[in-house]
Protein backbone atom coordinates (compact mmCIF):
# COMPACT_ATOMS: atom_id res chain seq x y z
CA UNK A 1 18.97 13.93 7.17
CA UNK A 2 18.86 13.70 3.39
CA UNK A 3 16.39 15.76 1.38
CA UNK A 4 14.79 12.62 -0.08
CA UNK A 5 14.15 11.27 3.41
CA UNK A 6 12.60 14.55 4.51
CA UNK A 7 10.32 14.62 1.48
CA UNK A 8 9.31 10.99 2.12
CA UNK A 9 8.60 11.71 5.79
CA UNK A 10 6.58 14.80 4.88
CA UNK A 11 4.49 12.77 2.44
CA UNK A 12 3.86 10.11 5.07
CA UNK A 13 2.94 12.71 7.67
CA UNK A 14 0.24 14.00 5.32
CA UNK A 15 -1.22 10.48 5.00
CA UNK A 16 -0.97 9.55 8.69
CA UNK A 17 -4.30 11.00 9.62
CA UNK A 18 -6.08 10.05 6.43
CA UNK A 19 -9.01 7.73 6.77
CA UNK A 20 -9.35 4.86 4.34
CA UNK A 21 -10.98 6.16 1.21
CA UNK A 22 -12.29 4.60 -1.89
CA UNK A 23 -13.19 6.21 -5.16
CA UNK A 24 -15.32 4.77 -7.87
CA UNK A 25 -15.78 5.63 -11.49
CA UNK A 26 -19.12 7.23 -12.33
CA UNK A 27 -22.05 5.32 -13.76
CA UNK A 28 -20.58 4.78 -17.22
CA UNK A 29 -17.48 3.13 -15.77
CA UNK A 30 -15.16 6.04 -16.51
CA UNK A 31 -14.21 9.30 -14.87
CA UNK A 32 -11.47 11.73 -15.82
CA UNK A 33 -8.14 11.52 -14.00
CA UNK A 34 -7.40 14.46 -11.72
CA UNK A 35 -3.67 14.53 -12.38
CA UNK A 36 -3.84 16.24 -15.78
CA UNK A 37 -2.33 13.26 -17.58
CA UNK A 38 -3.39 13.89 -21.21
CA UNK A 39 -6.89 12.49 -21.31
CA UNK A 40 -6.17 9.43 -19.15
CA UNK A 41 -9.29 7.78 -17.78
CA UNK A 42 -9.81 6.06 -14.44
CA UNK A 43 -11.78 2.84 -14.39
CA UNK A 44 -12.66 0.72 -11.41
CA UNK A 45 -12.81 1.21 -7.67
CA UNK A 46 -9.81 2.09 -5.52
CA UNK A 47 -9.23 1.79 -1.78
CA UNK A 48 -6.24 3.60 -0.32
CA UNK A 49 -4.73 1.98 2.75
CA UNK A 50 -3.41 4.42 5.36
CA UNK A 51 0.41 4.56 5.41
CA UNK A 52 2.30 1.64 6.87
CA UNK A 53 5.47 2.22 8.88
CA UNK A 54 7.56 -0.79 9.89
CA UNK A 55 10.67 -0.83 12.06
CA UNK A 56 13.51 -2.99 10.72
CA UNK A 57 16.18 -4.40 13.04
CA UNK A 58 19.41 -4.95 11.14
CA UNK A 59 22.09 -7.60 11.74
CA UNK A 60 24.64 -4.92 12.63
CA UNK A 61 22.40 -3.70 15.45
CA UNK A 62 21.09 -0.73 13.53
CA UNK A 63 17.47 0.17 13.18
CA UNK A 64 15.75 1.24 9.96
CA UNK A 65 12.27 1.93 8.73
CA UNK A 66 10.13 0.94 5.81
CA UNK A 67 7.21 3.18 5.00
CA UNK A 68 4.70 2.31 2.33
CA UNK A 69 1.37 3.42 0.95
CA UNK A 70 -0.74 0.99 -1.06
CA UNK A 71 -3.90 1.47 -3.08
CA UNK A 72 -6.05 -1.55 -3.85
CA UNK A 73 -7.89 -1.85 -7.13
CA UNK A 74 -11.13 -3.46 -6.03
CA UNK A 75 -13.56 -5.50 -8.12
CA UNK A 76 -16.63 -3.50 -7.03
CA UNK A 77 -17.85 -0.67 -4.81
CA UNK A 78 -19.52 -3.20 -2.52
CA UNK A 79 -16.24 -5.05 -1.98
CA UNK A 80 -14.40 -1.74 -1.46
CA UNK A 81 -16.91 -0.72 1.22
CA UNK A 82 -16.53 -4.12 2.91
CA UNK A 83 -12.73 -3.78 2.80
CA UNK A 84 -12.92 -0.25 4.25
CA UNK A 85 -14.77 -1.69 7.25
CA UNK A 86 -11.89 -4.18 7.74
CA UNK A 87 -9.24 -1.48 7.24
CA UNK A 88 -7.61 -1.81 10.69
CA UNK A 89 -7.18 -5.59 10.47
CA UNK A 90 -6.00 -5.30 6.88
CA UNK A 91 -3.33 -2.75 7.87
CA UNK A 92 -2.23 -4.99 10.72
CA UNK A 93 -1.78 -7.97 8.38
CA UNK A 94 0.14 -5.85 5.86
CA UNK A 95 2.46 -4.46 8.54
CA UNK A 96 3.19 -7.97 9.81
CA UNK A 97 3.95 -9.18 6.28
CA UNK A 98 6.28 -6.22 5.60
CA UNK A 99 8.07 -7.00 8.87
CA UNK A 100 8.47 -10.68 7.94
CA UNK A 101 9.64 -9.82 4.43
CA UNK A 102 12.20 -7.28 5.62
CA UNK A 103 13.52 -9.61 8.34
CA UNK A 104 13.89 -12.48 5.86
CA UNK A 105 15.68 -10.36 3.28
CA UNK A 106 17.94 -8.86 5.97
CA UNK A 107 18.83 -12.35 7.19
CA UNK A 108 19.67 -13.42 3.63
CA UNK A 109 21.54 -10.18 2.92
CA UNK A 110 19.30 -9.18 0.02
CA UNK A 111 17.14 -6.25 -0.95
CA UNK A 112 13.54 -6.88 -1.88
CA UNK A 113 11.97 -5.64 -5.08
CA UNK A 114 8.73 -3.76 -5.66
CA UNK A 115 7.38 -6.74 -7.62
CA UNK A 116 8.08 -8.99 -4.62
CA UNK A 117 6.34 -6.55 -2.26
CA UNK A 118 3.30 -6.29 -4.54
CA UNK A 119 3.05 -10.08 -4.80
CA UNK A 120 3.32 -10.60 -1.03
CA UNK A 121 0.87 -7.80 -0.20
CA UNK A 122 -1.66 -9.14 -2.71
CA UNK A 123 -1.36 -12.61 -1.17
CA UNK A 124 -2.13 -11.18 2.28
CA UNK A 125 -5.06 -9.14 0.97
CA UNK A 126 -6.55 -12.07 -0.94
CA UNK A 127 -6.38 -14.17 2.25
CA UNK A 128 -8.35 -11.48 4.11
CA UNK A 129 -10.83 -10.33 1.46
CA UNK A 130 -11.18 -13.25 -0.95
CA UNK A 131 -9.82 -14.21 -4.36
CA UNK A 132 -12.15 -12.08 -6.47
CA UNK A 133 -12.14 -8.93 -4.31
CA UNK A 134 -8.84 -7.35 -5.37
CA UNK A 135 -7.66 -6.89 -8.95
CA UNK A 136 -4.29 -5.31 -8.17
CA UNK A 137 -2.14 -3.78 -5.45
CA UNK A 138 -0.66 -0.43 -6.46
CA UNK A 139 2.44 0.82 -4.66
CA UNK A 140 1.93 4.56 -4.17
CA UNK A 141 4.99 5.23 -2.02
CA UNK A 142 7.83 3.11 -0.69
CA UNK A 143 10.75 4.33 1.37
CA UNK A 144 13.41 2.32 3.14
CA UNK A 145 15.86 3.98 5.47
């Protein structure tokens, strides 16, 4: 197994048992970033979706996997809390969409792009949570084997 695959699997294993979490900026709308990135500031409310792992069946009979972690930039804390309650159904919809996307691209013999994944995931999330609930879908990790 390649080192990159092992590192990706290790990162996913850490997230497997993580509950959905959301973090909000403090009262003034800003809080310092915790990654030490030269005075960067965090604004908004974020909801991290537990890792998604999708099995991909290839034309040649092989089997692969797509693993992904997404963080949603939410419009408000109230909407983030409401989305956290719907976490299981939201994950289910995202997994189904990743499966459809990977099957379609495999059938057409193409690779999908991160921009395409973000667009499709946001479409699914907007259908579930509403047009104004989500500002952006952030891809935190993506691995295809």
